[in-house]
Amino acid sequence: MATNRTFTMLKPDSVEKGYIGAILEKINAAGFRIVAMKMTHMTTADAQEFYAVHNERPFYGELVEYMTRGPIVAAILEKENAVDDFRALIGATNPADAAEGTIRKLYAASMGENAVHGSDSDENAAIEGFFHFSGRDQF
């Protein structure tokens, strides 16, 4: 059974371009309730740990550099079938392949600067949420 919560992160390119409000509006309009949110700046160590699953990939260094270049907005979202519904809302990783009206189609510049992160499973949503928040009542 799917949980009712997921994790998202508005990436540095979204924050730099002033898309926070527009993206949050789309999230709310899609029926998600924001139960926790903060703006923070990931350290290199934070980004390395958060993206450790990719540490053998050739893009890992660029990913860490990108994610630490400016502030991000981390949030816990609540809605029935949250993970799958949010993945549908954000669209494909490559904005060129994303469906019309999705967050990445509207706000992402490229596959590397794709505006927003969304957890890909209930398990990862819990792990990623606890990484950015205390976990007192997020999951």
C-alpha atoms as a PDB file:
ATOM      1  CA  MET A   1       0.000   0.000   0.000  1.00  0.00           C
ATOM      2  CA  ALA A   2       1.331   3.421  -0.943  1.00  0.00           C
ATOM      3  CA  THR A   3       1.954   6.004   1.737  1.00  0.00           C
ATOM      4  CA  ASN A   4       0.291   9.345   1.571  1.00  0.00           C
ATOM      5  CA  ARG A   5       3.513  11.350   1.718  1.00  0.00           C
ATOM      6  CA  THR A   6       6.396  12.061  -0.597  1.00  0.00           C
ATOM      7  CA  PHE A   7       9.464  14.267  -0.677  1.00  0.00           C
ATOM      8  CA  THR A   8      10.292  16.996  -3.158  1.00  0.00           C
ATOM      9  CA  MET A   9      13.113  19.422  -3.613  1.00  0.00           C
ATOM     10  CA  LEU A  10      13.016  22.535  -5.767  1.00  0.00           C
ATOM     11  CA  LYS A  11      16.519  22.572  -7.171  1.00  0.00           C
ATOM     12  CA  PRO A  12      18.910  25.542  -7.407  1.00  0.00           C
ATOM     13  CA  ASP A  13      17.856  26.458 -10.961  1.00  0.00           C
ATOM     14  CA  SER A  14      14.209  26.818  -9.870  1.00  0.00           C
ATOM     15  CA  VAL A  15      15.164  29.007  -6.936  1.00  0.00           C
ATOM     16  CA  GLU A  16      17.568  31.144  -9.029  1.00  0.00           C
ATOM     17  CA  LYS A  17      14.923  31.770 -11.688  1.00  0.00           C
ATOM     18  CA  GLY A  18      12.234  32.720  -9.173  1.00  0.00           C
ATOM     19  CA  TYR A  19       9.963  29.730  -9.862  1.00  0.00           C
ATOM     20  CA  ILE A  20       9.289  28.777  -6.232  1.00  0.00           C
ATOM     21  CA  GLY A  21       5.823  30.344  -6.089  1.00  0.00           C
ATOM     22  CA  ALA A  22       4.718  29.024  -9.474  1.00  0.00           C
ATOM     23  CA  ILE A  23       5.874  25.485  -8.692  1.00  0.00           C
ATOM     24  CA  LEU A  24       4.259  25.502  -5.243  1.00  0.00           C
ATOM     25  CA  GLU A  25       1.038  26.744  -6.838  1.00  0.00           C
ATOM     26  CA  LYS A  26       1.059  23.775  -9.254  1.00  0.00           C
ATOM     27  CA  ILE A  27       1.704  21.413  -6.348  1.00  0.00           C
ATOM     28  CA  ASN A  28      -1.231  22.847  -4.392  1.00  0.00           C
ATOM     29  CA  ALA A  29      -3.499  22.880  -7.444  1.00  0.00           C
ATOM     30  CA  ALA A  30      -2.777  19.170  -7.933  1.00  0.00           C
ATOM     31  CA  GLY A  31      -4.216  18.460  -4.492  1.00  0.00           C
ATOM     32  CA  PHE A  32      -1.039  18.084  -2.461  1.00  0.00           C
ATOM     33  CA  ARG A  33      -0.830  19.487   1.042  1.00  0.00           C
ATOM     34  CA  ILE A  34       2.568  20.782   2.139  1.00  0.00           C
ATOM     35  CA  VAL A  35       3.209  19.385   5.623  1.00  0.00           C
ATOM     36  CA  ALA A  36       6.817  20.562   6.002  1.00  0.00           C
ATOM     37  CA  MET A  37       8.940  22.973   3.976  1.00  0.00           C
ATOM     38  CA  LYS A  38      12.215  24.809   4.296  1.00  0.00           C
ATOM     39  CA  MET A  39      14.732  26.683   2.193  1.00  0.00           C
ATOM     40  CA  THR A  40      18.282  25.558   2.781  1.00  0.00           C
ATOM     41  CA  HIS A  41      21.652  25.420   1.077  1.00  0.00           C
ATOM     42  CA  MET A  42      23.106  21.927   0.771  1.00  0.00           C
ATOM     43  CA  THR A  43      26.749  21.534   1.700  1.00  0.00           C
ATOM     44  CA  THR A  44      29.038  19.451  -0.477  1.00  0.00           C
ATOM     45  CA  ALA A  45      28.905  16.692   2.138  1.00  0.00           C
ATOM     46  CA  ASP A  46      25.076  16.844   2.162  1.00  0.00           C
ATOM     47  CA  ALA A  47      24.840  16.587  -1.616  1.00  0.00           C
ATOM     48  CA  GLN A  48      27.385  13.771  -1.739  1.00  0.00           C
ATOM     49  CA  GLU A  49      25.398  11.824   0.852  1.00  0.00           C
ATOM     50  CA  PHE A  50      21.980  12.558  -0.664  1.00  0.00           C
ATOM     51  CA  TYR A  51      23.124  11.477  -4.139  1.00  0.00           C
ATOM     52  CA  ALA A  52      25.453   8.657  -2.978  1.00  0.00           C
ATOM     53  CA  VAL A  53      23.456   6.208  -5.108  1.00  0.00           C
ATOM     54  CA  HIS A  54      24.945   7.971  -8.167  1.00  0.00           C
ATOM     55  CA  ASN A  55      28.549   8.178  -6.936  1.00  0.00           C
ATOM     56  CA  GLU A  56      29.845   5.775  -9.613  1.00  0.00           C
ATOM     57  CA  ARG A  57      28.139   7.640 -12.437  1.00  0.00           C
ATOM     58  CA  PRO A  58      30.110  10.048 -14.644  1.00  0.00           C
ATOM     59  CA  PHE A  59      27.766  12.951 -13.845  1.00  0.00           C
ATOM     60  CA  TYR A  60      28.098  12.624 -10.041  1.00  0.00           C
ATOM     61  CA  GLY A  61      30.622  15.449  -9.595  1.00  0.00           C
ATOM     62  CA  GLU A  62      28.593  17.832 -11.747  1.00  0.00           C
ATOM     63  CA  LEU A  63      25.433  16.862  -9.855  1.00  0.00           C
ATOM     64  CA  VAL A  64      27.024  17.636  -6.489  1.00  0.00           C
ATOM     65  CA  GLU A  65      28.370  20.947  -7.804  1.00  0.00           C
ATOM     66  CA  TYR A  66      24.966  21.893  -9.233  1.00  0.00           C
ATOM     67  CA  MET A  67      23.064  20.996  -6.075  1.00  0.00           C
ATOM     68  CA  THR A  68      25.399  23.081  -3.890  1.00  0.00           C
ATOM     69  CA  ARG A  69      25.563  26.194  -6.074  1.00  0.00           C
ATOM     70  CA  GLY A  70      22.562  27.825  -4.438  1.00  0.00           C
ATOM     71  CA  PRO A  71      19.591  27.335  -2.143  1.00  0.00           C
ATOM     72  CA  ILE A  72      16.992  24.599  -2.551  1.00  0.00           C
ATOM     73  CA  VAL A  73      13.479  24.259  -1.148  1.00  0.00           C
ATOM     74  CA  ALA A  74      12.788  20.899   0.484  1.00  0.00           C
ATOM     75  CA  ALA A  75       9.234  19.818   1.234  1.00  0.00           C
ATOM     76  CA  ILE A  76       7.150  16.908   2.453  1.00  0.00           C
ATOM     77  CA  LEU A  77       3.911  16.587   0.492  1.00  0.00           C
ATOM     78  CA  GLU A  78       0.770  14.736   1.464  1.00  0.00           C
ATOM     79  CA  LYS A  79      -1.899  13.272  -0.804  1.00  0.00           C
ATOM     80  CA  GLU A  80      -3.354   9.849  -1.472  1.00  0.00           C
ATOM     81  CA  ASN A  81      -0.931   7.968  -3.775  1.00  0.00           C
ATOM     82  CA  ALA A  82       1.551  10.786  -3.241  1.00  0.00           C
ATOM     83  CA  VAL A  83       4.680   9.284  -4.839  1.00  0.00           C
ATOM     84  CA  ASP A  84       3.090   8.230  -8.116  1.00  0.00           C
ATOM     85  CA  ASP A  85       0.889  11.309  -8.419  1.00  0.00           C
ATOM     86  CA  PHE A  86       3.832  13.618  -7.799  1.00  0.00           C
ATOM     87  CA  ARG A  87       6.036  11.793 -10.318  1.00  0.00           C
ATOM     88  CA  ALA A  88       3.266  12.317 -12.883  1.00  0.00           C
ATOM     89  CA  LEU A  89       3.020  16.017 -11.947  1.00  0.00           C
ATOM     90  CA  ILE A  90       6.739  16.687 -12.365  1.00  0.00           C
ATOM     91  CA  GLY A  91       7.136  14.809 -15.656  1.00  0.00           C
ATOM     92  CA  ALA A  92      10.071  13.052 -17.268  1.00  0.00           C
ATOM     93  CA  THR A  93      13.621  13.826 -16.122  1.00  0.00           C
ATOM     94  CA  ASN A  94      14.397  15.230 -19.565  1.00  0.00           C
ATOM     95  CA  PRO A  95      12.056  18.219 -20.018  1.00  0.00           C
ATOM     96  CA  ALA A  96      12.032  17.591 -23.787  1.00  0.00           C
ATOM     97  CA  ASP A  97      10.281  14.284 -23.043  1.00  0.00           C
ATOM     98  CA  ALA A  98       7.999  15.633 -20.300  1.00  0.00           C
ATOM     99  CA  ALA A  99       4.262  15.874 -20.894  1.00  0.00           C
ATOM    100  CA  GLU A 100       2.699  19.274 -21.502  1.00  0.00           C
ATOM    101  CA  GLY A 101       1.748  21.053 -18.300  1.00  0.00           C
ATOM    102  CA  THR A 102       4.169  19.131 -16.079  1.00  0.00           C
ATOM    103  CA  ILE A 103       6.537  21.040 -13.828  1.00  0.00           C
ATOM    104  CA  ARG A 104       9.620  20.003 -15.774  1.00  0.00           C
ATOM    105  CA  LYS A 105       8.047  20.861 -19.130  1.00  0.00           C
ATOM    106  CA  LEU A 106       7.222  24.321 -17.804  1.00  0.00           C
ATOM    107  CA  TYR A 107      10.266  25.144 -15.656  1.00  0.00           C
ATOM    108  CA  ALA A 108      13.230  22.870 -16.439  1.00  0.00           C
ATOM    109  CA  ALA A 109      16.013  24.013 -18.746  1.00  0.00           C
ATOM    110  CA  SER A 110      17.658  20.659 -19.443  1.00  0.00           C
ATOM    111  CA  MET A 111      18.079  17.124 -18.197  1.00  0.00           C
ATOM    112  CA  GLY A 112      20.809  18.354 -15.854  1.00  0.00           C
ATOM    113  CA  GLU A 113      18.896  21.399 -14.632  1.00  0.00           C
ATOM    114  CA  ASN A 114      15.491  19.794 -14.339  1.00  0.00           C
ATOM    115  CA  ALA A 115      13.903  22.123 -11.778  1.00  0.00           C
ATOM    116  CA  VAL A 116      12.611  19.663  -9.204  1.00  0.00           C
ATOM    117  CA  HIS A 117      13.273  16.346  -7.505  1.00  0.00           C
ATOM    118  CA  GLY A 118      10.544  13.877  -6.620  1.00  0.00           C
ATOM    119  CA  SER A 119      11.015  10.641  -4.705  1.00  0.00           C
ATOM    120  CA  ASP A 120      10.707   7.540  -6.881  1.00  0.00           C
ATOM    121  CA  SER A 121       9.317   5.174  -4.230  1.00  0.00           C
ATOM    122  CA  ASP A 122       7.642   5.207  -0.831  1.00  0.00           C
ATOM    123  CA  GLU A 123      10.851   3.909   0.733  1.00  0.00           C
ATOM    124  CA  ASN A 124      12.983   6.667  -0.835  1.00  0.00           C
ATOM    125  CA  ALA A 125      10.382   9.288   0.089  1.00  0.00           C
ATOM    126  CA  ALA A 126      10.812   8.340   3.745  1.00  0.00           C
ATOM    127  CA  ILE A 127      14.624   8.244   3.523  1.00  0.00           C
ATOM    128  CA  GLU A 128      14.835  11.578   1.674  1.00  0.00           C
ATOM    129  CA  GLY A 129      12.290  13.235   3.964  1.00  0.00           C
ATOM    130  CA  PHE A 130      14.204  12.174   7.073  1.00  0.00           C
ATOM    131  CA  PHE A 131      17.444  13.381   5.448  1.00  0.00           C
ATOM    132  CA  HIS A 132      16.109  16.951   5.189  1.00  0.00           C
ATOM    133  CA  PHE A 133      13.775  17.091   8.187  1.00  0.00           C
ATOM    134  CA  SER A 134      13.872  15.930  11.794  1.00  0.00           C
ATOM    135  CA  GLY A 135      11.214  13.322  11.124  1.00  0.00           C
ATOM    136  CA  ARG A 136       9.151  14.264  14.178  1.00  0.00           C
ATOM    137  CA  ASP A 137       5.888  14.047  12.282  1.00  0.00           C
ATOM    138  CA  GLN A 138       6.672  13.978   8.583  1.00  0.00           C
ATOM    139  CA  PHE A 139       6.380  10.205   8.100  1.00  0.00           C
END
